[in-house]
């Protein structure tokens, strides 16, 4: 049974960084495109970043470009979302998705 588990969220001040991780059991990330989404209160879930199966290519949406970076560590079967220069508007629950499987999300709150 496939499980995706996000971790690394928390409360952070504006301008700081967080690294989210998405670990999987039952699914090998290098064989699938993996997505990070986020959902802020009262808003629809939105795509943040993607990384394709090997050889990996990445995409980030304009609102986080140059601040967020998605990468994969195949040896650990984990996909990361490095988030720098965080802003209050980045506050959301962040989810990873691969194939048709979703994780349960991790809360990121950016506040002073």
PDB file of N, CA and C in Angstrom:
ATOM      1  N   UNK A   1       0.844  -1.185   0.000  1.00  0.00           N
ATOM      2  CA  UNK A   1       0.000   0.000   0.000  1.00  0.00           C
ATOM      3  C   UNK A   1       0.883   1.241   0.000  1.00  0.00           C
ATOM      4  N   UNK A   2       0.553   2.169  -0.875  1.00  0.00           N
ATOM      5  CA  UNK A   2       1.363   3.370  -1.004  1.00  0.00           C
ATOM      6  C   UNK A   2       0.981   4.392   0.060  1.00  0.00           C
ATOM      7  N   UNK A   3       2.009   4.962   0.669  1.00  0.00           N
ATOM      8  CA  UNK A   3       1.801   6.057   1.610  1.00  0.00           C
ATOM      9  C   UNK A   3       2.802   7.152   1.315  1.00  0.00           C
ATOM     10  N   UNK A   4       2.329   8.387   1.317  1.00  0.00           N
ATOM     11  CA  UNK A   4       3.189   9.555   1.225  1.00  0.00           C
ATOM     12  C   UNK A   4       3.048  10.320   2.528  1.00  0.00           C
ATOM     13  N   UNK A   5       4.184  10.695   3.101  1.00  0.00           N
ATOM     14  CA  UNK A   5       4.166  11.373   4.388  1.00  0.00           C
ATOM     15  C   UNK A   5       5.022  12.625   4.291  1.00  0.00           C
ATOM     16  N   UNK A   6       4.374  13.776   4.508  1.00  0.00           N
ATOM     17  CA  UNK A   6       5.087  15.045   4.514  1.00  0.00           C
ATOM     18  C   UNK A   6       5.576  15.367   5.923  1.00  0.00           C
ATOM     19  N   UNK A   7       6.670  16.099   5.982  1.00  0.00           N
ATOM     20  CA  UNK A   7       7.205  16.558   7.266  1.00  0.00           C
ATOM     21  C   UNK A   7       7.970  17.849   7.036  1.00  0.00           C
ATOM     22  N   UNK A   8       8.296  18.514   8.142  1.00  0.00           N
ATOM     23  CA  UNK A   8       9.133  19.703   8.052  1.00  0.00           C
ATOM     24  C   UNK A   8       8.407  21.022   8.200  1.00  0.00           C
ATOM     25  N   UNK A   9       7.091  20.986   8.289  1.00  0.00           N
ATOM     26  CA  UNK A   9       6.357  22.222   8.450  1.00  0.00           C
ATOM     27  C   UNK A   9       6.528  22.808   9.841  1.00  0.00           C
ATOM     28  N   UNK A  10       5.987  24.001  10.014  1.00  0.00           N
ATOM     29  CA  UNK A  10       6.063  24.641  11.314  1.00  0.00           C
ATOM     30  C   UNK A  10       5.785  26.117  11.216  1.00  0.00           C
ATOM     31  N   UNK A  11       6.051  26.789  12.326  1.00  0.00           N
ATOM     32  CA  UNK A  11       5.886  28.244  12.410  1.00  0.00           C
ATOM     33  C   UNK A  11       7.246  28.900  12.187  1.00  0.00           C
ATOM     34  N   UNK A  12       7.296  29.843  11.283  1.00  0.00           N
ATOM     35  CA  UNK A  12       8.559  30.488  10.966  1.00  0.00           C
ATOM     36  C   UNK A  12       8.315  31.969  10.701  1.00  0.00           C
ATOM     37  N   UNK A  13       9.306  32.784  10.990  1.00  0.00           N
ATOM     38  CA  UNK A  13       9.188  34.220  10.764  1.00  0.00           C
ATOM     39  C   UNK A  13       9.379  34.557   9.287  1.00  0.00           C
ATOM     40  N   UNK A  14       8.804  35.643   8.838  1.00  0.00           N
ATOM     41  CA  UNK A  14       9.026  36.073   7.450  1.00  0.00           C
ATOM     42  C   UNK A  14      10.515  36.223   7.155  1.00  0.00           C
ATOM     43  N   UNK A  15      10.889  35.798   5.953  1.00  0.00           N
ATOM     44  CA  UNK A  15      12.277  35.872   5.544  1.00  0.00           C
ATOM     45  C   UNK A  15      13.093  34.634   5.863  1.00  0.00           C
ATOM     46  N   UNK A  16      12.580  33.767   6.701  1.00  0.00           N
ATOM     47  CA  UNK A  16      13.287  32.551   7.074  1.00  0.00           C
ATOM     48  C   UNK A  16      13.026  31.436   6.069  1.00  0.00           C
ATOM     49  N   UNK A  17      13.634  30.289   6.341  1.00  0.00           N
ATOM     50  CA  UNK A  17      13.540  29.146   5.428  1.00  0.00           C
ATOM     51  C   UNK A  17      12.988  27.927   6.149  1.00  0.00           C
ATOM     52  N   UNK A  18      12.402  27.050   5.365  1.00  0.00           N
ATOM     53  CA  UNK A  18      11.985  25.734   5.815  1.00  0.00           C
ATOM     54  C   UNK A  18      12.256  24.742   4.690  1.00  0.00           C
ATOM     55  N   UNK A  19      12.502  23.514   5.072  1.00  0.00           N
ATOM     56  CA  UNK A  19      12.630  22.450   4.091  1.00  0.00           C
ATOM     57  C   UNK A  19      11.585  21.394   4.404  1.00  0.00           C
ATOM     58  N   UNK A  20      10.694  21.196   3.480  1.00  0.00           N
ATOM     59  CA  UNK A  20       9.693  20.142   3.610  1.00  0.00           C
ATOM     60  C   UNK A  20      10.211  18.869   2.960  1.00  0.00           C
ATOM     61  N   UNK A  21       9.802  17.752   3.506  1.00  0.00           N
ATOM     62  CA  UNK A  21      10.181  16.459   2.949  1.00  0.00           C
ATOM     63  C   UNK A  21       8.932  15.622   2.709  1.00  0.00           C
ATOM     64  N   UNK A  22       8.967  14.858   1.654  1.00  0.00           N
ATOM     65  CA  UNK A  22       7.898  13.913   1.355  1.00  0.00           C
ATOM     66  C   UNK A  22       8.535  12.551   1.177  1.00  0.00           C
ATOM     67  N   UNK A  23       8.233  11.652   2.079  1.00  0.00           N
ATOM     68  CA  UNK A  23       8.766  10.296   2.024  1.00  0.00           C
ATOM     69  C   UNK A  23       7.670   9.338   1.610  1.00  0.00           C
ATOM     70  N   UNK A  24       8.081   8.278   0.940  1.00  0.00           N
ATOM     71  CA  UNK A  24       7.091   7.333   0.444  1.00  0.00           C
ATOM     72  C   UNK A  24       7.438   5.915   0.831  1.00  0.00           C
ATOM     73  N   UNK A  25       6.400   5.168   1.066  1.00  0.00           N
ATOM     74  CA  UNK A  25       6.528   3.720   1.124  1.00  0.00           C
ATOM     75  C   UNK A  25       5.617   3.166   0.036  1.00  0.00           C
ATOM     76  N   UNK A  26       6.155   2.232  -0.724  1.00  0.00           N
ATOM     77  CA  UNK A  26       5.352   1.599  -1.752  1.00  0.00           C
ATOM     78  C   UNK A  26       5.385   2.270  -3.105  1.00  0.00           C
ATOM     79  N   UNK A  27       6.083   3.392  -3.213  1.00  0.00           N
ATOM     80  CA  UNK A  27       6.183   4.093  -4.479  1.00  0.00           C
ATOM     81  C   UNK A  27       7.579   4.663  -4.598  1.00  0.00           C
ATOM     82  N   UNK A  28       8.190   4.483  -5.740  1.00  0.00           N
ATOM     83  CA  UNK A  28       9.546   4.986  -5.959  1.00  0.00           C
ATOM     84  C   UNK A  28       9.466   6.302  -6.711  1.00  0.00           C
ATOM     85  N   UNK A  29       9.892   7.357  -6.049  1.00  0.00           N
ATOM     86  CA  UNK A  29       9.731   8.693  -6.618  1.00  0.00           C
ATOM     87  C   UNK A  29      10.450   8.875  -7.939  1.00  0.00           C
ATOM     88  N   UNK A  30      11.594   8.248  -8.122  1.00  0.00           N
ATOM     89  CA  UNK A  30      12.333   8.486  -9.364  1.00  0.00           C
ATOM     90  C   UNK A  30      11.576   7.956 -10.582  1.00  0.00           C
ATOM     91  N   UNK A  31      10.576   7.132 -10.366  1.00  0.00           N
ATOM     92  CA  UNK A  31       9.785   6.583 -11.463  1.00  0.00           C
ATOM     93  C   UNK A  31       8.512   7.385 -11.745  1.00  0.00           C
ATOM     94  N   UNK A  32       8.277   8.433 -10.957  1.00  0.00           N
ATOM     95  CA  UNK A  32       7.031   9.187 -11.065  1.00  0.00           C
ATOM     96  C   UNK A  32       7.304  10.678 -10.991  1.00  0.00           C
ATOM     97  N   UNK A  33       6.463  11.450 -11.654  1.00  0.00           N
ATOM     98  CA  UNK A  33       6.463  12.885 -11.415  1.00  0.00           C
ATOM     99  C   UNK A  33       5.840  13.138 -10.053  1.00  0.00           C
ATOM    100  N   UNK A  34       6.494  13.989  -9.289  1.00  0.00           N
ATOM    101  CA  UNK A  34       6.021  14.319  -7.941  1.00  0.00           C
ATOM    102  C   UNK A  34       5.688  15.797  -7.887  1.00  0.00           C
ATOM    103  N   UNK A  35       4.643  16.105  -7.168  1.00  0.00           N
ATOM    104  CA  UNK A  35       4.125  17.460  -7.088  1.00  0.00           C
ATOM    105  C   UNK A  35       4.076  17.915  -5.638  1.00  0.00           C
ATOM    106  N   UNK A  36       4.330  19.187  -5.427  1.00  0.00           N
ATOM    107  CA  UNK A  36       4.002  19.854  -4.176  1.00  0.00           C
ATOM    108  C   UNK A  36       2.862  20.819  -4.465  1.00  0.00           C
ATOM    109  N   UNK A  37       1.826  20.707  -3.665  1.00  0.00           N
ATOM    110  CA  UNK A  37       0.693  21.614  -3.707  1.00  0.00           C
ATOM    111  C   UNK A  37       0.586  22.309  -2.355  1.00  0.00           C
ATOM    112  N   UNK A  38      -0.187  23.358  -2.316  1.00  0.00           N
ATOM    113  CA  UNK A  38      -0.502  23.999  -1.044  1.00  0.00           C
ATOM    114  C   UNK A  38      -1.937  24.502  -1.073  1.00  0.00           C
ATOM    115  N   UNK A  39      -2.488  24.599   0.114  1.00  0.00           N
ATOM    116  CA  UNK A  39      -3.842  25.111   0.256  1.00  0.00           C
ATOM    117  C   UNK A  39      -3.900  26.034   1.454  1.00  0.00           C
ATOM    118  N   UNK A  40      -4.151  27.291   1.164  1.00  0.00           N
ATOM    119  CA  UNK A  40      -4.297  28.293   2.213  1.00  0.00           C
ATOM    120  C   UNK A  40      -5.748  28.317   2.679  1.00  0.00           C
ATOM    121  N   UNK A  41      -5.990  28.801   3.886  1.00  0.00           N
ATOM    122  CA  UNK A  41      -7.369  28.857   4.402  1.00  0.00           C
ATOM    123  C   UNK A  41      -8.282  29.620   3.457  1.00  0.00           C
ATOM    124  N   UNK A  42      -9.398  29.019   3.114  1.00  0.00           N
ATOM    125  CA  UNK A  42     -10.374  29.673   2.269  1.00  0.00           C
ATOM    126  C   UNK A  42     -10.028  29.713   0.801  1.00  0.00           C
ATOM    127  N   UNK A  43      -8.945  29.062   0.419  1.00  0.00           N
ATOM    128  CA  UNK A  43      -8.512  29.078  -0.984  1.00  0.00           C
ATOM    129  C   UNK A  43      -8.448  27.663  -1.532  1.00  0.00           C
ATOM    130  N   UNK A  44      -8.417  27.584  -2.849  1.00  0.00           N
ATOM    131  CA  UNK A  44      -8.296  26.288  -3.489  1.00  0.00           C
ATOM    132  C   UNK A  44      -6.851  25.793  -3.404  1.00  0.00           C
ATOM    133  N   UNK A  45      -6.714  24.493  -3.503  1.00  0.00           N
ATOM    134  CA  UNK A  45      -5.381  23.904  -3.532  1.00  0.00           C
ATOM    135  C   UNK A  45      -4.694  24.321  -4.828  1.00  0.00           C
ATOM    136  N   UNK A  46      -3.435  24.706  -4.719  1.00  0.00           N
ATOM    137  CA  UNK A  46      -2.715  25.166  -5.885  1.00  0.00           C
ATOM    138  C   UNK A  46      -1.378  24.451  -6.014  1.00  0.00           C
ATOM    139  N   UNK A  47      -0.968  24.275  -7.262  1.00  0.00           N
ATOM    140  CA  UNK A  47       0.320  23.661  -7.534  1.00  0.00           C
ATOM    141  C   UNK A  47       1.441  24.625  -7.174  1.00  0.00           C
ATOM    142  N   UNK A  48       2.480  24.088  -6.566  1.00  0.00           N
ATOM    143  CA  UNK A  48       3.642  24.894  -6.206  1.00  0.00           C
ATOM    144  C   UNK A  48       4.858  24.506  -7.047  1.00  0.00           C
ATOM    145  N   UNK A  49       5.128  23.198  -7.135  1.00  0.00           N
ATOM    146  CA  UNK A  49       6.333  22.757  -7.831  1.00  0.00           C
ATOM    147  C   UNK A  49       6.171  21.307  -8.257  1.00  0.00           C
ATOM    148  N   UNK A  50       6.925  20.951  -9.302  1.00  0.00           N
ATOM    149  CA  UNK A  50       6.936  19.569  -9.760  1.00  0.00           C
ATOM    150  C   UNK A  50       8.359  19.132 -10.075  1.00  0.00           C
ATOM    151  N   UNK A  51       8.573  17.842  -9.981  1.00  0.00           N
ATOM    152  CA  UNK A  51       9.827  17.246 -10.412  1.00  0.00           C
ATOM    153  C   UNK A  51       9.473  15.965 -11.144  1.00  0.00           C
ATOM    154  N   UNK A  52      10.003  15.807 -12.346  1.00  0.00           N
ATOM    155  CA  UNK A  52       9.640  14.646 -13.150  1.00  0.00           C
ATOM    156  C   UNK A  52      10.452  13.429 -12.745  1.00  0.00           C
ATOM    157  N   UNK A  53      10.054  12.293 -13.290  1.00  0.00           N
ATOM    158  CA  UNK A  53      10.845  11.086 -13.105  1.00  0.00           C
ATOM    159  C   UNK A  53      12.209  11.280 -13.768  1.00  0.00           C
ATOM    160  N   UNK A  54      13.116  10.353 -13.472  1.00  0.00           N
ATOM    161  CA  UNK A  54      14.475  10.500 -13.974  1.00  0.00           C
ATOM    162  C   UNK A  54      14.519  10.460 -15.500  1.00  0.00           C
ATOM    163  N   UNK A  55      15.338  11.287 -16.141  1.00  0.00           N
ATOM    164  CA  UNK A  55      16.154  12.348 -15.547  1.00  0.00           C
ATOM    165  C   UNK A  55      15.271  13.512 -15.128  1.00  0.00           C
ATOM    166  N   UNK A  56      15.504  14.004 -13.935  1.00  0.00           N
ATOM    167  CA  UNK A  56      14.588  14.952 -13.318  1.00  0.00           C
ATOM    168  C   UNK A  56      14.667  16.316 -13.971  1.00  0.00           C
ATOM    169  N   UNK A  57      13.517  16.879 -14.224  1.00  0.00           N
ATOM    170  CA  UNK A  57      13.422  18.291 -14.546  1.00  0.00           C
ATOM    171  C   UNK A  57      12.389  18.883 -13.611  1.00  0.00           C
ATOM    172  N   UNK A  58      12.544  20.151 -13.319  1.00  0.00           N
ATOM    173  CA  UNK A  58      11.715  20.763 -12.303  1.00  0.00           C
ATOM    174  C   UNK A  58      10.960  21.963 -12.844  1.00  0.00           C
ATOM    175  N   UNK A  59       9.902  22.271 -12.121  1.00  0.00           N
ATOM    176  CA  UNK A  59       9.071  23.433 -12.448  1.00  0.00           C
ATOM    177  C   UNK A  59       8.571  24.023 -11.145  1.00  0.00           C
ATOM    178  N   UNK A  60       8.603  25.344 -11.058  1.00  0.00           N
ATOM    179  CA  UNK A  60       7.993  26.032  -9.927  1.00  0.00           C
ATOM    180  C   UNK A  60       7.103  27.145 -10.466  1.00  0.00           C
ATOM    181  N   UNK A  61       6.018  27.397  -9.776  1.00  0.00           N
ATOM    182  CA  UNK A  61       5.095  28.434 -10.234  1.00  0.00           C
ATOM    183  C   UNK A  61       5.723  29.803 -10.011  1.00  0.00           C
ATOM    184  N   UNK A  62       5.242  30.772 -10.735  1.00  0.00           N
ATOM    185  CA  UNK A  62       5.857  32.097 -10.709  1.00  0.00           C
ATOM    186  C   UNK A  62       5.866  32.721  -9.319  1.00  0.00           C
ATOM    187  N   UNK A  63       4.840  32.453  -8.538  1.00  0.00           N
ATOM    188  CA  UNK A  63       4.732  33.108  -7.229  1.00  0.00           C
ATOM    189  C   UNK A  63       5.818  32.676  -6.251  1.00  0.00           C
ATOM    190  N   UNK A  64       6.468  31.563  -6.521  1.00  0.00           N
ATOM    191  CA  UNK A  64       7.524  31.086  -5.607  1.00  0.00           C
ATOM    192  C   UNK A  64       8.855  30.919  -6.322  1.00  0.00           C
ATOM    193  N   UNK A  65       8.884  31.262  -7.594  1.00  0.00           N
ATOM    194  CA  UNK A  65      10.117  31.081  -8.367  1.00  0.00           C
ATOM    195  C   UNK A  65      11.249  31.875  -7.741  1.00  0.00           C
ATOM    196  N   UNK A  66      12.430  31.286  -7.730  1.00  0.00           N
ATOM    197  CA  UNK A  66      13.640  31.880  -7.137  1.00  0.00           C
ATOM    198  C   UNK A  66      13.623  31.837  -5.611  1.00  0.00           C
ATOM    199  N   UNK A  67      12.534  31.390  -5.012  1.00  0.00           N
ATOM    200  CA  UNK A  67      12.479  31.229  -3.553  1.00  0.00           C
ATOM    201  C   UNK A  67      12.328  29.767  -3.153  1.00  0.00           C
ATOM    202  N   UNK A  68      11.564  29.005  -3.916  1.00  0.00           N
ATOM    203  CA  UNK A  68      11.297  27.600  -3.601  1.00  0.00           C
ATOM    204  C   UNK A  68      12.009  26.713  -4.618  1.00  0.00           C
ATOM    205  N   UNK A  69      12.517  25.596  -4.120  1.00  0.00           N
ATOM    206  CA  UNK A  69      13.228  24.671  -4.992  1.00  0.00           C
ATOM    207  C   UNK A  69      12.808  23.253  -4.635  1.00  0.00           C
ATOM    208  N   UNK A  70      12.501  22.475  -5.649  1.00  0.00           N
ATOM    209  CA  UNK A  70      12.118  21.085  -5.450  1.00  0.00           C
ATOM    210  C   UNK A  70      13.273  20.205  -5.904  1.00  0.00           C
ATOM    211  N   UNK A  71      13.569  19.208  -5.102  1.00  0.00           N
ATOM    212  CA  UNK A  71      14.606  18.268  -5.495  1.00  0.00           C
ATOM    213  C   UNK A  71      14.321  16.914  -4.883  1.00  0.00           C
ATOM    214  N   UNK A  72      15.025  15.934  -5.373  1.00  0.00           N
ATOM    215  CA  UNK A  72      14.763  14.552  -4.967  1.00  0.00           C
ATOM    216  C   UNK A  72      16.071  13.887  -4.556  1.00  0.00           C
ATOM    217  N   UNK A  73      15.989  13.104  -3.529  1.00  0.00           N
ATOM    218  CA  UNK A  73      17.132  12.309  -3.080  1.00  0.00           C
ATOM    219  C   UNK A  73      16.745  10.846  -3.268  1.00  0.00           C
ATOM    220  N   UNK A  74      17.227  10.258  -4.354  1.00  0.00           N
ATOM    221  CA  UNK A  74      16.782   8.904  -4.709  1.00  0.00           C
ATOM    222  C   UNK A  74      17.170   7.865  -3.661  1.00  0.00           C
ATOM    223  N   UNK A  75      18.339   8.019  -3.077  1.00  0.00           N
ATOM    224  CA  UNK A  75      18.797   7.036  -2.092  1.00  0.00           C
ATOM    225  C   UNK A  75      17.858   6.970  -0.889  1.00  0.00           C
ATOM    226  N   UNK A  76      17.229   8.095  -0.591  1.00  0.00           N
ATOM    227  CA  UNK A  76      16.299   8.142   0.537  1.00  0.00           C
ATOM    228  C   UNK A  76      14.838   8.064   0.077  1.00  0.00           C
ATOM    229  N   UNK A  77      14.647   7.992  -1.236  1.00  0.00           N
ATOM    230  CA  UNK A  77      13.292   7.983  -1.799  1.00  0.00           C
ATOM    231  C   UNK A  77      12.453   9.104  -1.181  1.00  0.00           C
ATOM    232  N   UNK A  78      13.001  10.287  -1.231  1.00  0.00           N
ATOM    233  CA  UNK A  78      12.362  11.453  -0.616  1.00  0.00           C
ATOM    234  C   UNK A  78      12.423  12.630  -1.581  1.00  0.00           C
ATOM    235  N   UNK A  79      11.348  13.374  -1.626  1.00  0.00           N
ATOM    236  CA  UNK A  79      11.299  14.611  -2.403  1.00  0.00           C
ATOM    237  C   UNK A  79      11.187  15.774  -1.432  1.00  0.00           C
ATOM    238  N   UNK A  80      11.953  16.806  -1.692  1.00  0.00           N
ATOM    239  CA  UNK A  80      12.023  17.952  -0.798  1.00  0.00           C
ATOM    240  C   UNK A  80      11.489  19.206  -1.478  1.00  0.00           C
ATOM    241  N   UNK A  81      11.029  20.104  -0.649  1.00  0.00           N
ATOM    242  CA  UNK A  81      10.696  21.448  -1.104  1.00  0.00           C
ATOM    243  C   UNK A  81      11.446  22.411  -0.193  1.00  0.00           C
ATOM    244  N   UNK A  82      12.487  23.005  -0.739  1.00  0.00           N
ATOM    245  CA  UNK A  82      13.253  24.006  -0.004  1.00  0.00           C
ATOM    246  C   UNK A  82      12.570  25.355  -0.197  1.00  0.00           C
ATOM    247  N   UNK A  83      12.186  25.964   0.888  1.00  0.00           N
ATOM    248  CA  UNK A  83      11.455  27.223   0.826  1.00  0.00           C
ATOM    249  C   UNK A  83      12.276  28.302   1.521  1.00  0.00           C
ATOM    250  N   UNK A  84      12.679  29.285   0.756  1.00  0.00           N
ATOM    251  CA  UNK A  84      13.485  30.385   1.274  1.00  0.00           C
ATOM    252  C   UNK A  84      12.706  31.689   1.212  1.00  0.00           C
ATOM    253  N   UNK A  85      13.180  32.642   1.981  1.00  0.00           N
ATOM    254  CA  UNK A  85      12.559  33.983   1.973  1.00  0.00           C
ATOM    255  C   UNK A  85      11.040  33.881   2.107  1.00  0.00           C
ATOM    256  N   UNK A  86      10.622  33.146   3.099  1.00  0.00           N
ATOM    257  CA  UNK A  86       9.184  32.897   3.256  1.00  0.00           C
ATOM    258  C   UNK A  86       8.424  34.175   3.564  1.00  0.00           C
ATOM    259  N   UNK A  87       7.203  34.204   3.061  1.00  0.00           N
ATOM    260  CA  UNK A  87       6.326  35.355   3.231  1.00  0.00           C
ATOM    261  C   UNK A  87       5.045  34.897   3.935  1.00  0.00           C
ATOM    262  N   UNK A  88       4.341  35.805   4.566  1.00  0.00           N
ATOM    263  CA  UNK A  88       3.074  35.411   5.204  1.00  0.00           C
ATOM    264  C   UNK A  88       2.101  34.750   4.229  1.00  0.00           C
ATOM    265  N   UNK A  89       2.139  35.163   2.978  1.00  0.00           N
ATOM    266  CA  UNK A  89       1.223  34.570   1.995  1.00  0.00           C
ATOM    267  C   UNK A  89       1.605  33.146   1.609  1.00  0.00           C
ATOM    268  N   UNK A  90       2.734  32.673   2.086  1.00  0.00           N
ATOM    269  CA  UNK A  90       3.090  31.270   1.874  1.00  0.00           C
ATOM    270  C   UNK A  90       2.434  30.354   2.912  1.00  0.00           C
ATOM    271  N   UNK A  91       1.766  30.933   3.871  1.00  0.00           N
ATOM    272  CA  UNK A  91       1.086  30.140   4.896  1.00  0.00           C
ATOM    273  C   UNK A  91       0.033  29.253   4.252  1.00  0.00           C
ATOM    274  N   UNK A  92       0.138  27.961   4.524  1.00  0.00           N
ATOM    275  CA  UNK A  92      -0.769  26.995   3.904  1.00  0.00           C
ATOM    276  C   UNK A  92      -0.443  25.616   4.440  1.00  0.00           C
ATOM    277  N   UNK A  93      -1.304  24.683   4.126  1.00  0.00           N
ATOM    278  CA  UNK A  93      -0.970  23.273   4.289  1.00  0.00           C
ATOM    279  C   UNK A  93      -0.344  22.820   2.979  1.00  0.00           C
ATOM    280  N   UNK A  94       0.815  22.185   3.086  1.00  0.00           N
ATOM    281  CA  UNK A  94       1.549  21.750   1.912  1.00  0.00           C
ATOM    282  C   UNK A  94       1.409  20.237   1.772  1.00  0.00           C
ATOM    283  N   UNK A  95       1.086  19.827   0.549  1.00  0.00           N
ATOM    284  CA  UNK A  95       0.841  18.421   0.255  1.00  0.00           C
ATOM    285  C   UNK A  95       1.790  17.948  -0.853  1.00  0.00           C
ATOM    286  N   UNK A  96       2.199  16.705  -0.772  1.00  0.00           N
ATOM    287  CA  UNK A  96       2.883  16.110  -1.911  1.00  0.00           C
ATOM    288  C   UNK A  96       1.961  15.093  -2.572  1.00  0.00           C
ATOM    289  N   UNK A  97       2.197  14.905  -3.846  1.00  0.00           N
ATOM    290  CA  UNK A  97       1.389  13.995  -4.656  1.00  0.00           C
ATOM    291  C   UNK A  97       2.291  13.294  -5.658  1.00  0.00           C
ATOM    292  N   UNK A  98       2.078  12.015  -5.818  1.00  0.00           N
ATOM    293  CA  UNK A  98       2.756  11.235  -6.850  1.00  0.00           C
ATOM    294  C   UNK A  98       1.770  10.193  -7.351  1.00  0.00           C
ATOM    295  N   UNK A  99       1.731  10.047  -8.689  1.00  0.00           N
ATOM    296  CA  UNK A  99       0.709   9.194  -9.291  1.00  0.00           C
ATOM    297  C   UNK A  99      -0.637   9.692  -8.776  1.00  0.00           C
ATOM    298  N   UNK A 100      -1.488   8.823  -8.273  1.00  0.00           N
ATOM    299  CA  UNK A 100      -2.774   9.311  -7.764  1.00  0.00           C
ATOM    300  C   UNK A 100      -2.780   9.439  -6.254  1.00  0.00           C
ATOM    301  N   UNK A 101      -1.626   9.356  -5.641  1.00  0.00           N
ATOM    302  CA  UNK A 101      -1.533   9.318  -4.188  1.00  0.00           C
ATOM    303  C   UNK A 101      -1.157  10.680  -3.611  1.00  0.00           C
ATOM    304  N   UNK A 102      -1.835  11.002  -2.524  1.00  0.00           N
ATOM    305  CA  UNK A 102      -1.598  12.247  -1.812  1.00  0.00           C
ATOM    306  C   UNK A 102      -1.141  11.955  -0.389  1.00  0.00           C
ATOM    307  N   UNK A 103      -0.288  12.838   0.121  1.00  0.00           N
ATOM    308  CA  UNK A 103      -0.015  12.809   1.536  1.00  0.00           C
ATOM    309  C   UNK A 103      -1.088  13.571   2.294  1.00  0.00           C
ATOM    310  N   UNK A 104      -0.947  13.603   3.603  1.00  0.00           N
ATOM    311  CA  UNK A 104      -1.950  14.275   4.443  1.00  0.00           C
ATOM    312  C   UNK A 104      -1.622  15.741   4.676  1.00  0.00           C
ATOM    313  N   UNK A 105      -0.443  16.134   4.301  1.00  0.00           N
ATOM    314  CA  UNK A 105      -0.093  17.535   4.394  1.00  0.00           C
ATOM    315  C   UNK A 105       0.685  17.896   5.643  1.00  0.00           C
ATOM    316  N   UNK A 106       1.380  19.018   5.551  1.00  0.00           N
ATOM    317  CA  UNK A 106       2.108  19.577   6.684  1.00  0.00           C
ATOM    318  C   UNK A 106       1.857  21.074   6.702  1.00  0.00           C
ATOM    319  N   UNK A 107       1.581  21.603   7.881  1.00  0.00           N
ATOM    320  CA  UNK A 107       1.212  23.015   8.013  1.00  0.00           C
ATOM    321  C   UNK A 107       2.454  23.888   8.030  1.00  0.00           C
ATOM    322  N   UNK A 108       2.431  24.920   7.221  1.00  0.00           N
ATOM    323  CA  UNK A 108       3.465  25.946   7.237  1.00  0.00           C
ATOM    324  C   UNK A 108       2.793  27.274   7.576  1.00  0.00           C
ATOM    325  N   UNK A 109       3.275  27.899   8.630  1.00  0.00           N
ATOM    326  CA  UNK A 109       2.745  29.189   9.039  1.00  0.00           C
ATOM    327  C   UNK A 109       3.892  30.185   9.078  1.00  0.00           C
ATOM    328  N   UNK A 110       3.729  31.261   8.334  1.00  0.00           N
ATOM    329  CA  UNK A 110       4.749  32.310   8.278  1.00  0.00           C
ATOM    330  C   UNK A 110       4.174  33.548   8.956  1.00  0.00           C
ATOM    331  N   UNK A 111       4.745  33.875  10.091  1.00  0.00           N
ATOM    332  CA  UNK A 111       4.207  34.978  10.876  1.00  0.00           C
ATOM    333  C   UNK A 111       5.272  35.510  11.817  1.00  0.00           C
ATOM    334  N   UNK A 112       5.211  36.801  12.055  1.00  0.00           N
ATOM    335  CA  UNK A 112       6.126  37.396  13.017  1.00  0.00           C
ATOM    336  C   UNK A 112       5.496  37.397  14.409  1.00  0.00           C
TER     337      UNK A 112
END
